[in-house]
Amino acid sequence: MPKAKDIMTSPAFTVGPGMSVRELAEKLIEKNYSGAPVVDESGGLVGIVTESDLVEQHKRVHLPTLITVFDSVLAFEGHFDLKGQIKKMLGSKVSDIMALKVVTVDEDMELEDIATIMSEQNKHLIPVVRGDKVVGIIGKADMVRAIVKSG
């Protein structure tokens, strides 16, 4: 069974948190990538940024339904993060729009386990790490290639 190290793209294209959103978009288009791990100066993984994060910058702000009951204001529609939405929409740097919670795999994880994570957690891009350093990346295209080869 193929492992992450057999199917990953390495080295991974990475970006820094200080990169401008515009430069990020240009790089993703130029390289035909769907996203990139975000690393600090020492190469440690600090987040991930994807095309979806760029698209979210241009959506409409969704305001919750509010009602007033006995001088209290209640918001409906579950968890609502207006401050986070606005920060993402106005963000000018990668650090403003990146996701901080990153699903990663190690080099020895098997193809079936990676496919399970991608499917169940709806992840399209997964960094491969050794410690906190990114050594590669696996996207859905890498998975399809590996499935065809092992088929």
N, C-alpha and C. Protein backbone atom coordinates (compact mmCIF):
# COMPACT_ATOMS: atom_id res chain seq x y z
N MET A 1 0.85 -1.19 0.00
CA MET A 1 0.00 0.00 0.00
C MET A 1 0.89 1.24 0.00
N PRO A 2 0.65 2.18 -0.95
CA PRO A 2 1.46 3.42 -0.99
C PRO A 2 1.29 4.24 0.30
N LYS A 3 2.33 4.93 0.64
CA LYS A 3 2.33 5.80 1.83
C LYS A 3 2.42 7.25 1.38
N ALA A 4 2.21 8.15 2.33
CA ALA A 4 2.25 9.58 2.03
C ALA A 4 3.53 9.97 1.31
N LYS A 5 4.67 9.45 1.76
CA LYS A 5 5.96 9.82 1.15
C LYS A 5 6.05 9.39 -0.30
N ASP A 6 5.25 8.38 -0.70
CA ASP A 6 5.26 7.88 -2.07
C ASP A 6 4.41 8.72 -3.01
N ILE A 7 3.41 9.42 -2.47
CA ILE A 7 2.46 10.13 -3.33
C ILE A 7 2.49 11.65 -3.19
N MET A 8 3.20 12.14 -2.17
CA MET A 8 3.21 13.59 -1.92
C MET A 8 3.99 14.33 -2.99
N THR A 9 3.64 15.60 -3.15
CA THR A 9 4.43 16.51 -3.96
C THR A 9 5.46 17.12 -3.02
N SER A 10 6.74 16.98 -3.38
CA SER A 10 7.80 17.47 -2.52
C SER A 10 8.91 18.07 -3.38
N PRO A 11 9.45 19.21 -2.98
CA PRO A 11 9.06 19.98 -1.80
C PRO A 11 7.72 20.66 -2.02
N ALA A 12 7.03 20.92 -0.92
CA ALA A 12 5.74 21.60 -1.00
C ALA A 12 5.95 23.09 -1.26
N PHE A 13 5.06 23.66 -2.05
CA PHE A 13 5.03 25.12 -2.21
C PHE A 13 4.47 25.68 -0.92
N THR A 14 5.21 26.55 -0.25
CA THR A 14 4.77 27.15 1.01
C THR A 14 4.79 28.66 0.89
N VAL A 15 4.05 29.31 1.77
CA VAL A 15 4.04 30.77 1.82
C VAL A 15 4.23 31.22 3.26
N GLY A 16 4.61 32.48 3.42
CA GLY A 16 4.76 33.05 4.74
C GLY A 16 3.52 33.83 5.14
N PRO A 17 3.30 34.00 6.43
CA PRO A 17 2.11 34.71 6.91
C PRO A 17 2.07 36.18 6.50
N GLY A 18 3.23 36.76 6.18
CA GLY A 18 3.28 38.17 5.80
C GLY A 18 3.06 38.43 4.32
N MET A 19 2.96 37.36 3.51
CA MET A 19 2.74 37.55 2.07
C MET A 19 1.40 38.24 1.85
N SER A 20 1.34 39.11 0.86
CA SER A 20 0.07 39.79 0.57
C SER A 20 -0.91 38.80 -0.05
N VAL A 21 -2.19 39.03 0.16
CA VAL A 21 -3.23 38.19 -0.40
C VAL A 21 -3.17 38.23 -1.92
N ARG A 22 -2.89 39.39 -2.47
CA ARG A 22 -2.79 39.53 -3.93
C ARG A 22 -1.65 38.67 -4.48
N GLU A 23 -0.48 38.73 -3.83
CA GLU A 23 0.65 37.92 -4.28
C GLU A 23 0.33 36.43 -4.16
N LEU A 24 -0.33 36.06 -3.09
CA LEU A 24 -0.75 34.66 -2.92
C LEU A 24 -1.62 34.23 -4.09
N ALA A 25 -2.62 35.02 -4.41
CA ALA A 25 -3.53 34.68 -5.51
C ALA A 25 -2.75 34.53 -6.82
N GLU A 26 -1.84 35.45 -7.07
CA GLU A 26 -1.03 35.38 -8.30
C GLU A 26 -0.19 34.11 -8.34
N LYS A 27 0.42 33.75 -7.21
CA LYS A 27 1.26 32.55 -7.15
C LYS A 27 0.43 31.28 -7.36
N LEU A 28 -0.75 31.22 -6.74
CA LEU A 28 -1.60 30.04 -6.89
C LEU A 28 -2.02 29.86 -8.35
N ILE A 29 -2.34 30.98 -9.00
CA ILE A 29 -2.73 30.91 -10.42
C ILE A 29 -1.53 30.49 -11.27
N GLU A 30 -0.39 31.14 -11.03
CA GLU A 30 0.82 30.87 -11.80
C GLU A 30 1.24 29.40 -11.70
N LYS A 31 1.16 28.84 -10.50
CA LYS A 31 1.62 27.47 -10.27
C LYS A 31 0.50 26.44 -10.41
N ASN A 32 -0.74 26.91 -10.59
CA ASN A 32 -1.91 26.04 -10.69
C ASN A 32 -2.08 25.18 -9.44
N TYR A 33 -1.93 25.82 -8.26
CA TYR A 33 -2.11 25.15 -6.98
C TYR A 33 -3.43 25.60 -6.37
N SER A 34 -3.98 24.75 -5.51
CA SER A 34 -5.24 25.10 -4.86
C SER A 34 -5.04 25.70 -3.48
N GLY A 35 -3.80 25.73 -3.02
CA GLY A 35 -3.52 26.29 -1.71
C GLY A 35 -2.09 26.01 -1.32
N ALA A 36 -1.73 26.40 -0.09
CA ALA A 36 -0.36 26.21 0.37
C ALA A 36 -0.30 26.21 1.89
N PRO A 37 0.61 25.41 2.44
CA PRO A 37 0.88 25.51 3.87
C PRO A 37 1.52 26.87 4.16
N VAL A 38 1.23 27.41 5.32
CA VAL A 38 1.82 28.67 5.76
C VAL A 38 2.87 28.33 6.81
N VAL A 39 4.10 28.78 6.58
CA VAL A 39 5.20 28.46 7.49
C VAL A 39 5.84 29.74 8.02
N ASP A 40 6.40 29.64 9.24
CA ASP A 40 7.10 30.78 9.83
C ASP A 40 8.54 30.82 9.31
N GLU A 41 9.33 31.76 9.84
CA GLU A 41 10.70 31.96 9.37
C GLU A 41 11.57 30.72 9.51
N SER A 42 11.27 29.88 10.50
CA SER A 42 12.09 28.67 10.71
C SER A 42 11.53 27.47 9.95
N GLY A 43 10.47 27.68 9.17
CA GLY A 43 9.89 26.59 8.39
C GLY A 43 8.83 25.79 9.13
N GLY A 44 8.46 26.24 10.33
CA GLY A 44 7.43 25.55 11.11
C GLY A 44 6.04 25.86 10.57
N LEU A 45 5.19 24.86 10.55
CA LEU A 45 3.82 25.02 10.05
C LEU A 45 2.99 25.86 11.01
N VAL A 46 2.36 26.93 10.49
CA VAL A 46 1.52 27.80 11.33
C VAL A 46 0.08 27.89 10.83
N GLY A 47 -0.18 27.38 9.63
CA GLY A 47 -1.54 27.46 9.08
C GLY A 47 -1.58 26.91 7.68
N ILE A 48 -2.74 27.07 7.05
CA ILE A 48 -2.91 26.68 5.65
C ILE A 48 -3.84 27.69 5.01
N VAL A 49 -3.60 27.98 3.75
CA VAL A 49 -4.44 28.93 3.02
C VAL A 49 -4.81 28.27 1.69
N THR A 50 -6.08 28.40 1.32
CA THR A 50 -6.57 27.75 0.10
C THR A 50 -7.35 28.74 -0.76
N GLU A 51 -7.68 28.28 -1.96
CA GLU A 51 -8.51 29.10 -2.84
C GLU A 51 -9.82 29.47 -2.15
N SER A 52 -10.34 28.59 -1.33
CA SER A 52 -11.59 28.87 -0.61
C SER A 52 -11.45 30.09 0.28
N ASP A 53 -10.29 30.25 0.91
CA ASP A 53 -10.05 31.42 1.76
C ASP A 53 -10.07 32.70 0.93
N LEU A 54 -9.55 32.62 -0.29
CA LEU A 54 -9.58 33.79 -1.19
C LEU A 54 -11.01 34.10 -1.63
N VAL A 55 -11.77 33.07 -1.93
CA VAL A 55 -13.16 33.26 -2.37
C VAL A 55 -13.99 33.87 -1.24
N GLU A 56 -13.75 33.43 0.00
CA GLU A 56 -14.51 33.95 1.15
C GLU A 56 -14.35 35.45 1.32
N GLN A 57 -13.24 35.99 0.83
CA GLN A 57 -13.03 37.44 0.96
C GLN A 57 -14.08 38.23 0.19
N HIS A 58 -14.73 37.62 -0.76
CA HIS A 58 -15.65 38.35 -1.63
C HIS A 58 -17.11 38.00 -1.42
N LYS A 59 -17.39 37.29 -0.34
CA LYS A 59 -18.79 36.94 -0.08
C LYS A 59 -19.48 38.07 0.69
N ARG A 60 -20.78 38.01 0.71
CA ARG A 60 -21.55 38.98 1.49
C ARG A 60 -21.47 38.62 2.97
N VAL A 61 -21.49 39.63 3.81
CA VAL A 61 -21.52 39.39 5.26
C VAL A 61 -22.91 38.89 5.60
N HIS A 62 -22.96 37.78 6.31
CA HIS A 62 -24.24 37.20 6.71
C HIS A 62 -24.50 37.59 8.16
N LEU A 63 -25.51 38.40 8.37
CA LEU A 63 -25.84 38.85 9.72
C LEU A 63 -26.84 37.89 10.36
N PRO A 64 -26.69 37.64 11.65
CA PRO A 64 -27.61 36.72 12.32
C PRO A 64 -28.98 37.37 12.54
N THR A 65 -29.98 36.53 12.73
CA THR A 65 -31.30 37.03 13.10
C THR A 65 -31.26 37.40 14.58
N LEU A 66 -31.65 38.61 14.89
CA LEU A 66 -31.62 39.09 16.27
C LEU A 66 -33.04 39.38 16.76
N ILE A 67 -33.31 39.02 18.00
CA ILE A 67 -34.58 39.41 18.61
C ILE A 67 -34.29 39.97 20.00
N THR A 68 -35.17 40.85 20.45
CA THR A 68 -35.02 41.43 21.77
C THR A 68 -36.08 40.85 22.70
N VAL A 69 -35.62 40.35 23.83
CA VAL A 69 -36.52 39.78 24.84
C VAL A 69 -36.11 40.36 26.18
N PHE A 70 -37.01 41.11 26.80
CA PHE A 70 -36.76 41.71 28.11
C PHE A 70 -35.40 42.41 28.19
N ASP A 71 -35.14 43.30 27.26
CA ASP A 71 -33.92 44.09 27.20
C ASP A 71 -32.65 43.27 26.92
N SER A 72 -32.80 42.04 26.46
CA SER A 72 -31.66 41.23 26.06
C SER A 72 -31.75 40.97 24.56
N VAL A 73 -30.62 40.95 23.90
CA VAL A 73 -30.58 40.66 22.47
C VAL A 73 -30.08 39.23 22.29
N LEU A 74 -30.87 38.44 21.57
CA LEU A 74 -30.50 37.05 21.30
C LEU A 74 -30.22 36.88 19.82
N ALA A 75 -29.14 36.16 19.50
CA ALA A 75 -28.80 35.87 18.10
C ALA A 75 -29.16 34.43 17.80
N PHE A 76 -29.77 34.21 16.63
CA PHE A 76 -30.10 32.86 16.18
C PHE A 76 -29.16 32.47 15.06
N GLU A 77 -29.22 31.26 14.62
CA GLU A 77 -28.41 30.70 13.54
C GLU A 77 -27.09 30.16 14.05
N GLY A 78 -27.06 29.64 15.28
CA GLY A 78 -25.89 28.94 15.78
C GLY A 78 -24.70 29.84 16.01
N HIS A 79 -23.51 29.25 15.90
CA HIS A 79 -22.27 29.97 16.14
C HIS A 79 -22.10 31.06 15.07
N PHE A 80 -21.84 32.26 15.52
CA PHE A 80 -21.73 33.38 14.59
C PHE A 80 -20.50 34.20 14.94
N ASP A 81 -19.65 34.43 13.97
CA ASP A 81 -18.39 35.13 14.20
C ASP A 81 -18.26 36.30 13.22
N LEU A 82 -19.00 37.38 13.48
CA LEU A 82 -18.97 38.55 12.60
C LEU A 82 -17.57 39.14 12.54
N LYS A 83 -16.90 39.24 13.67
CA LYS A 83 -15.55 39.81 13.71
C LYS A 83 -14.60 38.98 12.82
N GLY A 84 -14.68 37.66 12.92
CA GLY A 84 -13.84 36.79 12.11
C GLY A 84 -14.15 36.91 10.63
N GLN A 85 -15.45 37.01 10.29
CA GLN A 85 -15.84 37.17 8.89
C GLN A 85 -15.29 38.47 8.31
N ILE A 86 -15.43 39.54 9.07
CA ILE A 86 -14.96 40.85 8.59
C ILE A 86 -13.44 40.86 8.46
N LYS A 87 -12.73 40.27 9.43
CA LYS A 87 -11.26 40.21 9.35
C LYS A 87 -10.84 39.49 8.09
N LYS A 88 -11.49 38.38 7.78
CA LYS A 88 -11.14 37.61 6.59
C LYS A 88 -11.44 38.40 5.33
N MET A 89 -12.57 39.09 5.31
CA MET A 89 -12.98 39.84 4.11
C MET A 89 -12.08 41.04 3.85
N LEU A 90 -11.56 41.64 4.90
CA LEU A 90 -10.72 42.83 4.75
C LEU A 90 -9.24 42.50 4.78
N GLY A 91 -8.91 41.24 4.96
CA GLY A 91 -7.52 40.82 5.12
C GLY A 91 -6.66 41.18 3.93
N SER A 92 -5.46 41.64 4.23
CA SER A 92 -4.53 41.99 3.17
C SER A 92 -3.31 41.07 3.17
N LYS A 93 -3.14 40.30 4.25
CA LYS A 93 -2.02 39.38 4.37
C LYS A 93 -2.54 37.96 4.54
N VAL A 94 -1.70 37.00 4.21
CA VAL A 94 -2.04 35.59 4.36
C VAL A 94 -2.48 35.30 5.80
N SER A 95 -1.80 35.90 6.78
CA SER A 95 -2.14 35.65 8.19
C SER A 95 -3.56 36.07 8.52
N ASP A 96 -4.14 36.98 7.75
CA ASP A 96 -5.51 37.44 7.99
C ASP A 96 -6.56 36.43 7.51
N ILE A 97 -6.20 35.62 6.53
CA ILE A 97 -7.21 34.75 5.92
C ILE A 97 -6.93 33.26 6.10
N MET A 98 -5.75 32.89 6.59
CA MET A 98 -5.38 31.48 6.70
C MET A 98 -6.16 30.77 7.81
N ALA A 99 -6.28 29.46 7.66
CA ALA A 99 -6.86 28.62 8.71
C ALA A 99 -5.74 28.21 9.65
N LEU A 100 -6.00 28.31 10.94
CA LEU A 100 -4.98 27.97 11.93
C LEU A 100 -4.99 26.48 12.28
N LYS A 101 -6.14 25.85 12.17
CA LYS A 101 -6.25 24.42 12.45
C LYS A 101 -5.95 23.68 11.15
N VAL A 102 -4.85 22.94 11.16
CA VAL A 102 -4.39 22.26 9.96
C VAL A 102 -4.38 20.75 10.20
N VAL A 103 -5.03 20.01 9.33
CA VAL A 103 -4.97 18.56 9.38
C VAL A 103 -3.71 18.15 8.63
N THR A 104 -2.83 17.40 9.29
CA THR A 104 -1.58 16.96 8.68
C THR A 104 -1.48 15.44 8.76
N VAL A 105 -0.57 14.90 7.98
CA VAL A 105 -0.25 13.47 8.06
C VAL A 105 1.26 13.34 8.12
N ASP A 106 1.73 12.19 8.61
CA ASP A 106 3.17 11.96 8.58
C ASP A 106 3.52 11.14 7.34
N GLU A 107 4.78 11.03 7.07
CA GLU A 107 5.26 10.41 5.83
C GLU A 107 4.87 8.95 5.67
N ASP A 108 4.62 8.27 6.77
CA ASP A 108 4.34 6.83 6.71
C ASP A 108 2.85 6.49 6.73
N MET A 109 1.99 7.50 6.70
CA MET A 109 0.55 7.21 6.68
C MET A 109 0.18 6.58 5.34
N GLU A 110 -0.68 5.56 5.40
CA GLU A 110 -1.06 4.82 4.19
C GLU A 110 -2.16 5.53 3.42
N LEU A 111 -2.18 5.25 2.12
CA LEU A 111 -3.13 5.86 1.18
C LEU A 111 -4.57 5.78 1.68
N GLU A 112 -5.01 4.62 2.15
CA GLU A 112 -6.40 4.46 2.61
C GLU A 112 -6.71 5.39 3.78
N ASP A 113 -5.77 5.57 4.69
CA ASP A 113 -5.99 6.46 5.83
C ASP A 113 -6.06 7.91 5.39
N ILE A 114 -5.22 8.29 4.43
CA ILE A 114 -5.25 9.65 3.90
C ILE A 114 -6.58 9.89 3.18
N ALA A 115 -7.01 8.92 2.38
CA ALA A 115 -8.29 9.04 1.68
C ALA A 115 -9.44 9.18 2.66
N THR A 116 -9.39 8.46 3.76
CA THR A 116 -10.43 8.54 4.79
C THR A 116 -10.47 9.94 5.40
N ILE A 117 -9.31 10.49 5.71
CA ILE A 117 -9.25 11.85 6.28
C ILE A 117 -9.81 12.85 5.28
N MET A 118 -9.36 12.76 4.03
CA MET A 118 -9.83 13.71 3.01
C MET A 118 -11.34 13.63 2.85
N SER A 119 -11.86 12.44 2.83
CA SER A 119 -13.30 12.25 2.62
C SER A 119 -14.12 12.66 3.83
N GLU A 120 -13.77 12.16 5.00
CA GLU A 120 -14.57 12.41 6.20
C GLU A 120 -14.44 13.83 6.72
N GLN A 121 -13.28 14.46 6.52
CA GLN A 121 -13.07 15.82 7.04
C GLN A 121 -13.16 16.88 5.94
N ASN A 122 -13.50 16.43 4.72
CA ASN A 122 -13.66 17.32 3.57
C ASN A 122 -12.43 18.21 3.37
N LYS A 123 -11.26 17.57 3.36
CA LYS A 123 -10.00 18.29 3.15
C LYS A 123 -9.51 17.97 1.75
N HIS A 124 -9.09 18.99 1.02
CA HIS A 124 -8.62 18.83 -0.35
C HIS A 124 -7.10 18.92 -0.45
N LEU A 125 -6.48 19.38 0.61
CA LEU A 125 -5.04 19.62 0.62
C LEU A 125 -4.53 19.30 2.02
N ILE A 126 -3.58 18.36 2.11
CA ILE A 126 -3.07 17.95 3.41
C ILE A 126 -1.54 18.00 3.42
N PRO A 127 -0.97 18.84 4.28
CA PRO A 127 0.49 18.87 4.41
C PRO A 127 1.02 17.57 5.02
N VAL A 128 2.18 17.15 4.53
CA VAL A 128 2.89 16.01 5.10
C VAL A 128 4.02 16.59 5.93
N VAL A 129 4.08 16.19 7.20
CA VAL A 129 5.04 16.81 8.12
C VAL A 129 5.99 15.79 8.73
N ARG A 130 7.16 16.29 9.06
CA ARG A 130 8.13 15.56 9.88
C ARG A 130 8.38 16.49 11.06
N GLY A 131 7.83 16.13 12.22
CA GLY A 131 7.84 17.06 13.36
C GLY A 131 6.89 18.19 13.04
N ASP A 132 7.37 19.44 13.10
CA ASP A 132 6.52 20.57 12.71
C ASP A 132 6.93 21.15 11.37
N LYS A 133 7.81 20.46 10.64
CA LYS A 133 8.29 20.93 9.34
C LYS A 133 7.52 20.26 8.21
N VAL A 134 7.14 21.05 7.22
CA VAL A 134 6.43 20.53 6.06
C VAL A 134 7.44 19.91 5.10
N VAL A 135 7.24 18.63 4.76
CA VAL A 135 8.14 17.95 3.83
C VAL A 135 7.47 17.66 2.49
N GLY A 136 6.17 17.86 2.44
CA GLY A 136 5.44 17.63 1.20
C GLY A 136 3.98 18.01 1.37
N ILE A 137 3.22 17.80 0.31
CA ILE A 137 1.79 18.10 0.36
C ILE A 137 1.06 17.09 -0.51
N ILE A 138 -0.14 16.74 -0.08
CA ILE A 138 -0.97 15.81 -0.85
C ILE A 138 -2.29 16.49 -1.16
N GLY A 139 -2.57 16.59 -2.45
CA GLY A 139 -3.84 17.13 -2.91
C GLY A 139 -4.68 16.00 -3.50
N LYS A 140 -5.90 16.33 -3.85
CA LYS A 140 -6.79 15.30 -4.42
C LYS A 140 -6.22 14.72 -5.72
N ALA A 141 -5.56 15.54 -6.54
CA ALA A 141 -4.96 15.02 -7.78
C ALA A 141 -3.89 13.99 -7.48
N ASP A 142 -3.09 14.22 -6.42
CA ASP A 142 -2.08 13.24 -6.01
C ASP A 142 -2.74 11.93 -5.61
N MET A 143 -3.87 12.04 -4.92
CA MET A 143 -4.60 10.84 -4.49
C MET A 143 -5.12 10.06 -5.69
N VAL A 144 -5.70 10.76 -6.65
CA VAL A 144 -6.25 10.09 -7.83
C VAL A 144 -5.13 9.39 -8.60
N ARG A 145 -3.99 10.07 -8.76
CA ARG A 145 -2.85 9.43 -9.45
C ARG A 145 -2.41 8.15 -8.72
N ALA A 146 -2.34 8.22 -7.39
CA ALA A 146 -1.91 7.07 -6.60
C ALA A 146 -2.91 5.92 -6.70
N ILE A 147 -4.19 6.25 -6.72
CA ILE A 147 -5.23 5.21 -6.82
C ILE A 147 -5.14 4.52 -8.17
N VAL A 148 -4.94 5.31 -9.23
CA VAL A 148 -4.83 4.73 -10.57
C VAL A 148 -3.60 3.82 -10.67
N LYS A 149 -2.45 4.28 -10.12
CA LYS A 149 -1.22 3.49 -10.16
C LYS A 149 -1.35 2.19 -9.37
N SER A 150 -2.02 2.27 -8.21
CA SER A 150 -2.11 1.07 -7.36
C SER A 150 -3.28 0.17 -7.77
N GLY A 151 -4.14 0.70 -8.67
CA GLY A 151 -5.36 0.03 -9.09
C GLY A 151 -5.18 -1.30 -9.67
